[in-house]
PDB file of N, CA and C in Angstrom:
ATOM      1  N   MET A   1       4.330   3.572  14.125  1.00  0.00           N
ATOM      2  CA  MET A   1       2.945   2.858  14.201  1.00  0.00           C
ATOM      3  C   MET A   1       2.122   3.608  13.242  1.00  0.00           C
ATOM      4  N   LEU A   2       1.030   2.959  12.924  1.00  0.00           N
ATOM      5  CA  LEU A   2       0.056   3.489  12.034  1.00  0.00           C
ATOM      6  C   LEU A   2      -1.010   4.263  12.953  1.00  0.00           C
ATOM      7  N   ASN A   3      -1.565   5.373  12.395  1.00  0.00           N
ATOM      8  CA  ASN A   3      -2.542   5.998  13.100  1.00  0.00           C
ATOM      9  C   ASN A   3      -3.934   5.282  12.735  1.00  0.00           C
ATOM     10  N   ASP A   4      -5.034   5.807  13.271  1.00  0.00           N
ATOM     11  CA  ASP A   4      -6.296   5.049  13.072  1.00  0.00           C
ATOM     12  C   ASP A   4      -6.730   4.981  11.649  1.00  0.00           C
ATOM     13  N   THR A   5      -6.523   6.069  10.914  1.00  0.00           N
ATOM     14  CA  THR A   5      -6.914   6.111   9.485  1.00  0.00           C
ATOM     15  C   THR A   5      -6.053   5.159   8.693  1.00  0.00           C
ATOM     16  N   GLN A   6      -4.841   5.113   8.983  1.00  0.00           N
ATOM     17  CA  GLN A   6      -3.850   4.257   8.326  1.00  0.00           C
ATOM     18  C   GLN A   6      -4.193   2.721   8.606  1.00  0.00           C
ATOM     19  N   GLN A   7      -4.574   2.411   9.847  1.00  0.00           N
ATOM     20  CA  GLN A   7      -4.884   1.102  10.253  1.00  0.00           C
ATOM     21  C   GLN A   7      -6.169   0.636   9.564  1.00  0.00           C
ATOM     22  N   ALA A   8      -7.147   1.610   9.421  1.00  0.00           N
ATOM     23  CA  ALA A   8      -8.406   1.256   8.818  1.00  0.00           C
ATOM     24  C   ALA A   8      -8.152   0.937   7.218  1.00  0.00           C
ATOM     25  N   LEU A   9      -7.354   1.834   6.641  1.00  0.00           N
ATOM     26  CA  LEU A   9      -6.998   1.569   5.257  1.00  0.00           C
ATOM     27  C   LEU A   9      -6.278   0.245   5.025  1.00  0.00           C
ATOM     28  N   ARG A  10      -5.404  -0.006   5.976  1.00  0.00           N
ATOM     29  CA  ARG A  10      -4.664  -1.359   5.724  1.00  0.00           C
ATOM     30  C   ARG A  10      -5.657  -2.534   5.926  1.00  0.00           C
ATOM     31  N   ALA A  11      -6.567  -2.353   6.838  1.00  0.00           N
ATOM     32  CA  ALA A  11      -7.491  -3.412   7.114  1.00  0.00           C
ATOM     33  C   ALA A  11      -8.446  -3.649   5.835  1.00  0.00           C
ATOM     34  N   HIS A  12      -8.787  -2.408   5.252  1.00  0.00           N
ATOM     35  CA  HIS A  12      -9.603  -2.474   4.096  1.00  0.00           C
ATOM     36  C   HIS A  12      -8.943  -3.133   2.967  1.00  0.00           C
ATOM     37  N   ILE A  13      -7.672  -2.789   2.718  1.00  0.00           N
ATOM     38  CA  ILE A  13      -6.949  -3.349   1.758  1.00  0.00           C
ATOM     39  C   ILE A  13      -6.670  -4.811   1.847  1.00  0.00           C
ATOM     40  N   GLN A  14      -6.437  -5.268   3.080  1.00  0.00           N
ATOM     41  CA  GLN A  14      -6.279  -6.696   3.346  1.00  0.00           C
ATOM     42  C   GLN A  14      -7.548  -7.419   3.113  1.00  0.00           C
ATOM     43  N   GLN A  15      -8.645  -6.865   3.374  1.00  0.00           N
ATOM     44  CA  GLN A  15      -9.926  -7.467   3.068  1.00  0.00           C
ATOM     45  C   GLN A  15     -10.155  -7.695   1.685  1.00  0.00           C
ATOM     46  N   LEU A  16      -9.830  -6.632   0.875  1.00  0.00           N
ATOM     47  CA  LEU A  16      -9.963  -6.686  -0.533  1.00  0.00           C
ATOM     48  C   LEU A  16      -8.970  -7.824  -1.043  1.00  0.00           C
ATOM     49  N   LEU A  17      -7.781  -7.828  -0.604  1.00  0.00           N
ATOM     50  CA  LEU A  17      -6.813  -8.901  -1.014  1.00  0.00           C
ATOM     51  C   LEU A  17      -7.337 -10.291  -0.795  1.00  0.00           C
ATOM     52  N   SER A  18      -7.856 -10.470   0.372  1.00  0.00           N
ATOM     53  CA  SER A  18      -8.378 -11.796   0.887  1.00  0.00           C
ATOM     54  C   SER A  18      -9.624 -12.176  -0.064  1.00  0.00           C
ATOM     55  N   ASN A  19     -10.328 -11.128  -0.675  1.00  0.00           N
ATOM     56  CA  ASN A  19     -11.515 -11.454  -1.553  1.00  0.00           C
ATOM     57  C   ASN A  19     -10.985 -11.425  -3.022  1.00  0.00           C
ATOM     58  N   LYS A  20      -9.645 -11.387  -3.259  1.00  0.00           N
ATOM     59  CA  LYS A  20      -9.115 -11.351  -4.609  1.00  0.00           C
ATOM     60  C   LYS A  20      -9.614 -10.174  -5.456  1.00  0.00           C
ATOM     61  N   GLN A  21      -9.795  -9.005  -4.814  1.00  0.00           N
ATOM     62  CA  GLN A  21     -10.312  -7.815  -5.425  1.00  0.00           C
ATOM     63  C   GLN A  21      -9.099  -6.904  -5.512  1.00  0.00           C
ATOM     64  N   LEU A  22      -8.143  -7.387  -6.265  1.00  0.00           N
ATOM     65  CA  LEU A  22      -6.828  -6.675  -6.562  1.00  0.00           C
ATOM     66  C   LEU A  22      -7.148  -5.345  -7.308  1.00  0.00           C
ATOM     67  N   THR A  23      -7.861  -5.436  -8.234  1.00  0.00           N
ATOM     68  CA  THR A  23      -8.220  -4.137  -9.043  1.00  0.00           C
ATOM     69  C   THR A  23      -8.785  -3.058  -8.139  1.00  0.00           C
ATOM     70  N   ASP A  24      -9.677  -3.434  -7.287  1.00  0.00           N
ATOM     71  CA  ASP A  24     -10.365  -2.524  -6.401  1.00  0.00           C
ATOM     72  C   ASP A  24      -9.261  -1.918  -5.354  1.00  0.00           C
ATOM     73  N   ALA A  25      -8.418  -2.765  -4.867  1.00  0.00           N
ATOM     74  CA  ALA A  25      -7.386  -2.330  -3.899  1.00  0.00           C
ATOM     75  C   ALA A  25      -6.426  -1.435  -4.659  1.00  0.00           C
ATOM     76  N   HIS A  26      -6.073  -1.799  -5.801  1.00  0.00           N
ATOM     77  CA  HIS A  26      -5.106  -0.949  -6.612  1.00  0.00           C
ATOM     78  C   HIS A  26      -5.664   0.436  -6.873  1.00  0.00           C
ATOM     79  N   HIS A  27      -6.886   0.425  -7.408  1.00  0.00           N
ATOM     80  CA  HIS A  27      -7.593   1.676  -7.693  1.00  0.00           C
ATOM     81  C   HIS A  27      -7.711   2.516  -6.467  1.00  0.00           C
ATOM     82  N   LEU A  28      -8.116   2.023  -5.279  1.00  0.00           N
ATOM     83  CA  LEU A  28      -8.201   2.843  -4.197  1.00  0.00           C
ATOM     84  C   LEU A  28      -6.856   3.492  -3.724  1.00  0.00           C
ATOM     85  N   LEU A  29      -5.874   2.693  -3.799  1.00  0.00           N
ATOM     86  CA  LEU A  29      -4.543   3.202  -3.408  1.00  0.00           C
ATOM     87  C   LEU A  29      -3.877   4.223  -4.290  1.00  0.00           C
ATOM     88  N   VAL A  30      -4.169   4.023  -5.601  1.00  0.00           N
ATOM     89  CA  VAL A  30      -3.768   4.997  -6.595  1.00  0.00           C
ATOM     90  C   VAL A  30      -4.574   6.368  -6.446  1.00  0.00           C
ATOM     91  N   GLN A  31      -5.816   6.269  -6.228  1.00  0.00           N
ATOM     92  CA  GLN A  31      -6.596   7.528  -5.994  1.00  0.00           C
ATOM     93  C   GLN A  31      -6.045   8.235  -4.816  1.00  0.00           C
ATOM     94  N   ARG A  32      -5.672   7.515  -3.694  1.00  0.00           N
ATOM     95  CA  ARG A  32      -5.196   8.181  -2.524  1.00  0.00           C
ATOM     96  C   ARG A  32      -3.804   8.781  -2.767  1.00  0.00           C
ATOM     97  N   LEU A  33      -3.033   8.095  -3.589  1.00  0.00           N
ATOM     98  CA  LEU A  33      -1.618   8.675  -3.922  1.00  0.00           C
ATOM     99  C   LEU A  33      -1.777   9.908  -4.823  1.00  0.00           C
ATOM    100  N   LYS A  34      -2.809   9.932  -5.610  1.00  0.00           N
ATOM    101  CA  LYS A  34      -3.032  11.203  -6.435  1.00  0.00           C
ATOM    102  C   LYS A  34      -3.350  12.327  -5.487  1.00  0.00           C
ATOM    103  N   GLN A  35      -4.014  12.113  -4.402  1.00  0.00           N
ATOM    104  CA  GLN A  35      -4.201  13.199  -3.469  1.00  0.00           C
ATOM    105  C   GLN A  35      -3.071  13.488  -2.622  1.00  0.00           C
ATOM    106  N   ASN A  36      -2.265  12.428  -2.244  1.00  0.00           N
ATOM    107  CA  ASN A  36      -1.077  12.703  -1.329  1.00  0.00           C
ATOM    108  C   ASN A  36      -0.026  11.793  -1.881  1.00  0.00           C
ATOM    109  N   PRO A  37       0.865  12.274  -2.868  1.00  0.00           N
ATOM    110  CA  PRO A  37       1.971  11.479  -3.460  1.00  0.00           C
ATOM    111  C   PRO A  37       3.026  11.192  -2.455  1.00  0.00           C
ATOM    112  N   GLU A  38       2.953  11.674  -1.187  1.00  0.00           N
ATOM    113  CA  GLU A  38       3.993  11.473  -0.249  1.00  0.00           C
ATOM    114  C   GLU A  38       3.542  10.449   0.905  1.00  0.00           C
ATOM    115  N   ASP A  39       2.507   9.689   0.621  1.00  0.00           N
ATOM    116  CA  ASP A  39       1.882   8.771   1.535  1.00  0.00           C
ATOM    117  C   ASP A  39       2.564   7.366   1.451  1.00  0.00           C
ATOM    118  N   HIS A  40       3.524   7.241   2.447  1.00  0.00           N
ATOM    119  CA  HIS A  40       4.380   6.116   2.437  1.00  0.00           C
ATOM    120  C   HIS A  40       3.540   4.764   2.680  1.00  0.00           C
ATOM    121  N   VAL A  41       2.549   4.952   3.450  1.00  0.00           N
ATOM    122  CA  VAL A  41       1.718   3.788   3.782  1.00  0.00           C
ATOM    123  C   VAL A  41       1.019   3.240   2.527  1.00  0.00           C
ATOM    124  N   CYS A  42       0.521   4.148   1.702  1.00  0.00           N
ATOM    125  CA  CYS A  42      -0.055   3.750   0.352  1.00  0.00           C
ATOM    126  C   CYS A  42       0.854   2.949  -0.538  1.00  0.00           C
ATOM    127  N   TYR A  43       2.136   3.460  -0.493  1.00  0.00           N
ATOM    128  CA  TYR A  43       3.163   2.816  -1.329  1.00  0.00           C
ATOM    129  C   TYR A  43       3.366   1.406  -0.817  1.00  0.00           C
ATOM    130  N   PHE A  44       3.413   1.266   0.540  1.00  0.00           N
ATOM    131  CA  PHE A  44       3.678  -0.064   1.241  1.00  0.00           C
ATOM    132  C   PHE A  44       2.515  -0.930   0.870  1.00  0.00           C
ATOM    133  N   LEU A  45       1.288  -0.451   1.013  1.00  0.00           N
ATOM    134  CA  LEU A  45       0.149  -1.341   0.726  1.00  0.00           C
ATOM    135  C   LEU A  45      -0.010  -1.634  -0.689  1.00  0.00           C
ATOM    136  N   LEU A  46       0.377  -0.766  -1.560  1.00  0.00           N
ATOM    137  CA  LEU A  46       0.466  -1.050  -3.060  1.00  0.00           C
ATOM    138  C   LEU A  46       1.433  -2.141  -3.417  1.00  0.00           C
ATOM    139  N   SER A  47       2.485  -2.174  -2.653  1.00  0.00           N
ATOM    140  CA  SER A  47       3.441  -3.254  -2.805  1.00  0.00           C
ATOM    141  C   SER A  47       2.793  -4.599  -2.386  1.00  0.00           C
ATOM    142  N   GLU A  48       1.991  -4.628  -1.499  1.00  0.00           N
ATOM    143  CA  GLU A  48       1.295  -5.860  -1.058  1.00  0.00           C
ATOM    144  C   GLU A  48       0.369  -6.210  -2.207  1.00  0.00           C
ATOM    145  N   VAL A  49      -0.297  -5.269  -2.811  1.00  0.00           N
ATOM    146  CA  VAL A  49      -1.255  -5.597  -3.877  1.00  0.00           C
ATOM    147  C   VAL A  49      -0.454  -6.155  -5.085  1.00  0.00           C
ATOM    148  N   ASN A  50       0.654  -5.518  -5.394  1.00  0.00           N
ATOM    149  CA  ASN A  50       1.501  -6.128  -6.475  1.00  0.00           C
ATOM    150  C   ASN A  50       2.092  -7.505  -6.159  1.00  0.00           C
ATOM    151  N   THR A  51       2.416  -7.714  -4.890  1.00  0.00           N
ATOM    152  CA  THR A  51       2.857  -9.023  -4.442  1.00  0.00           C
ATOM    153  C   THR A  51       1.837 -10.076  -4.753  1.00  0.00           C
ATOM    154  N   ALA A  52       0.657  -9.766  -4.342  1.00  0.00           N
ATOM    155  CA  ALA A  52      -0.570 -10.635  -4.530  1.00  0.00           C
ATOM    156  C   ALA A  52      -0.808 -10.894  -5.989  1.00  0.00           C
ATOM    157  N   ALA A  53      -0.588  -9.856  -6.793  1.00  0.00           N
ATOM    158  CA  ALA A  53      -0.711  -9.925  -8.223  1.00  0.00           C
ATOM    159  C   ALA A  53       0.464 -10.725  -8.937  1.00  0.00           C
ATOM    160  N   GLY A  54       1.425 -10.992  -8.168  1.00  0.00           N
ATOM    161  CA  GLY A  54       2.711 -11.814  -8.732  1.00  0.00           C
ATOM    162  C   GLY A  54       3.711 -10.931  -9.413  1.00  0.00           C
ATOM    163  N   ASP A  55       3.574  -9.638  -9.139  1.00  0.00           N
ATOM    164  CA  ASP A  55       4.599  -8.644  -9.822  1.00  0.00           C
ATOM    165  C   ASP A  55       5.623  -8.262  -8.643  1.00  0.00           C
ATOM    166  N   ILE A  56       6.545  -9.133  -8.351  1.00  0.00           N
ATOM    167  CA  ILE A  56       7.480  -8.917  -7.244  1.00  0.00           C
ATOM    168  C   ILE A  56       8.487  -7.607  -7.562  1.00  0.00           C
ATOM    169  N   ASN A  57       8.832  -7.550  -8.815  1.00  0.00           N
ATOM    170  CA  ASN A  57       9.634  -6.399  -9.225  1.00  0.00           C
ATOM    171  C   ASN A  57       9.051  -5.050  -8.841  1.00  0.00           C
ATOM    172  N   LYS A  58       7.757  -4.956  -9.269  1.00  0.00           N
ATOM    173  CA  LYS A  58       7.020  -3.728  -8.913  1.00  0.00           C
ATOM    174  C   LYS A  58       6.899  -3.510  -7.494  1.00  0.00           C
ATOM    175  N   ALA A  59       6.541  -4.643  -6.819  1.00  0.00           N
ATOM    176  CA  ALA A  59       6.439  -4.599  -5.266  1.00  0.00           C
ATOM    177  C   ALA A  59       7.635  -4.098  -4.605  1.00  0.00           C
ATOM    178  N   ILE A  60       8.768  -4.530  -5.162  1.00  0.00           N
ATOM    179  CA  ILE A  60      10.096  -4.083  -4.491  1.00  0.00           C
ATOM    180  C   ILE A  60      10.304  -2.641  -4.752  1.00  0.00           C
ATOM    181  N   LYS A  61       9.962  -2.109  -6.020  1.00  0.00           N
ATOM    182  CA  LYS A  61      10.035  -0.742  -6.301  1.00  0.00           C
ATOM    183  C   LYS A  61       9.246   0.105  -5.348  1.00  0.00           C
ATOM    184  N   LEU A  62       7.987  -0.449  -5.136  1.00  0.00           N
ATOM    185  CA  LEU A  62       7.031   0.431  -4.292  1.00  0.00           C
ATOM    186  C   LEU A  62       7.586   0.375  -2.812  1.00  0.00           C
ATOM    187  N   LEU A  63       8.116  -0.681  -2.370  1.00  0.00           N
ATOM    188  CA  LEU A  63       8.761  -0.759  -1.054  1.00  0.00           C
ATOM    189  C   LEU A  63       9.865   0.226  -0.908  1.00  0.00           C
ATOM    190  N   GLU A  64      10.588   0.266  -1.874  1.00  0.00           N
ATOM    191  CA  GLU A  64      11.831   1.219  -1.919  1.00  0.00           C
ATOM    192  C   GLU A  64      11.226   2.692  -1.847  1.00  0.00           C
ATOM    193  N   LYS A  65      10.297   3.030  -2.595  1.00  0.00           N
ATOM    194  CA  LYS A  65       9.595   4.270  -2.580  1.00  0.00           C
ATOM    195  C   LYS A  65       9.204   4.603  -1.165  1.00  0.00           C
ATOM    196  N   ALA A  66       8.331   3.705  -0.506  1.00  0.00           N
ATOM    197  CA  ALA A  66       7.950   3.805   0.839  1.00  0.00           C
ATOM    198  C   ALA A  66       9.095   4.101   1.792  1.00  0.00           C
ATOM    199  N   ILE A  67      10.162   3.340   1.707  1.00  0.00           N
ATOM    200  CA  ILE A  67      11.316   3.611   2.559  1.00  0.00           C
ATOM    201  C   ILE A  67      11.901   4.933   2.286  1.00  0.00           C
ATOM    202  N   ILE A  68      11.988   5.368   1.040  1.00  0.00           N
ATOM    203  CA  ILE A  68      12.573   6.710   0.810  1.00  0.00           C
ATOM    204  C   ILE A  68      11.875   7.775   1.449  1.00  0.00           C
ATOM    205  N   LEU A  69      10.425   7.634   1.370  1.00  0.00           N
ATOM    206  CA  LEU A  69       9.585   8.688   1.944  1.00  0.00           C
ATOM    207  C   LEU A  69       9.604   8.594   3.413  1.00  0.00           C
ATOM    208  N   ALA A  70       9.665   7.481   4.124  1.00  0.00           N
ATOM    209  CA  ALA A  70       9.669   7.390   5.591  1.00  0.00           C
ATOM    210  C   ALA A  70      10.579   6.264   6.043  1.00  0.00           C
ATOM    211  N   PRO A  71      11.904   6.611   6.020  1.00  0.00           N
ATOM    212  CA  PRO A  71      12.901   5.542   6.181  1.00  0.00           C
ATOM    213  C   PRO A  71      12.822   4.810   7.708  1.00  0.00           C
ATOM    214  N   PHE A  72      12.194   5.488   8.522  1.00  0.00           N
ATOM    215  CA  PHE A  72      12.070   4.971   9.942  1.00  0.00           C
ATOM    216  C   PHE A  72      10.744   4.595  10.348  1.00  0.00           C
ATOM    217  N   ALA A  73       9.716   4.487   9.459  1.00  0.00           N
ATOM    218  CA  ALA A  73       8.374   4.172   9.749  1.00  0.00           C
ATOM    219  C   ALA A  73       8.361   2.772  10.002  1.00  0.00           C
ATOM    220  N   ILE A  74       7.489   2.458  10.978  1.00  0.00           N
ATOM    221  CA  ILE A  74       7.128   0.967  11.296  1.00  0.00           C
ATOM    222  C   ILE A  74       5.701   0.673  10.918  1.00  0.00           C
ATOM    223  N   ILE A  75       5.483  -0.138  10.034  1.00  0.00           N
ATOM    224  CA  ILE A  75       4.284  -0.557   9.592  1.00  0.00           C
ATOM    225  C   ILE A  75       3.895  -1.924  10.002  1.00  0.00           C
ATOM    226  N   ILE A  76       2.967  -2.150  11.030  1.00  0.00           N
ATOM    227  CA  ILE A  76       2.644  -3.372  11.447  1.00  0.00           C
ATOM    228  C   ILE A  76       1.170  -3.530  11.505  1.00  0.00           C
TER     229      ILE A  76
END
């Protein structure tokens, strides 16, 4: 399960995606990954951004990275 911070981040990213602010969502997640390159939730959310942008191949690679970092994590 996601903690409160992760849930807030996911809600924020989903809001950005619904407003078609893909660049803002991407930038926010990349900045967070620079601070913590092991953040599997950011990789998962970044895959959603890439899916929205139509880059399915990149989205799959990001999901794979998230799974490698946290193979048993549940993100709902």
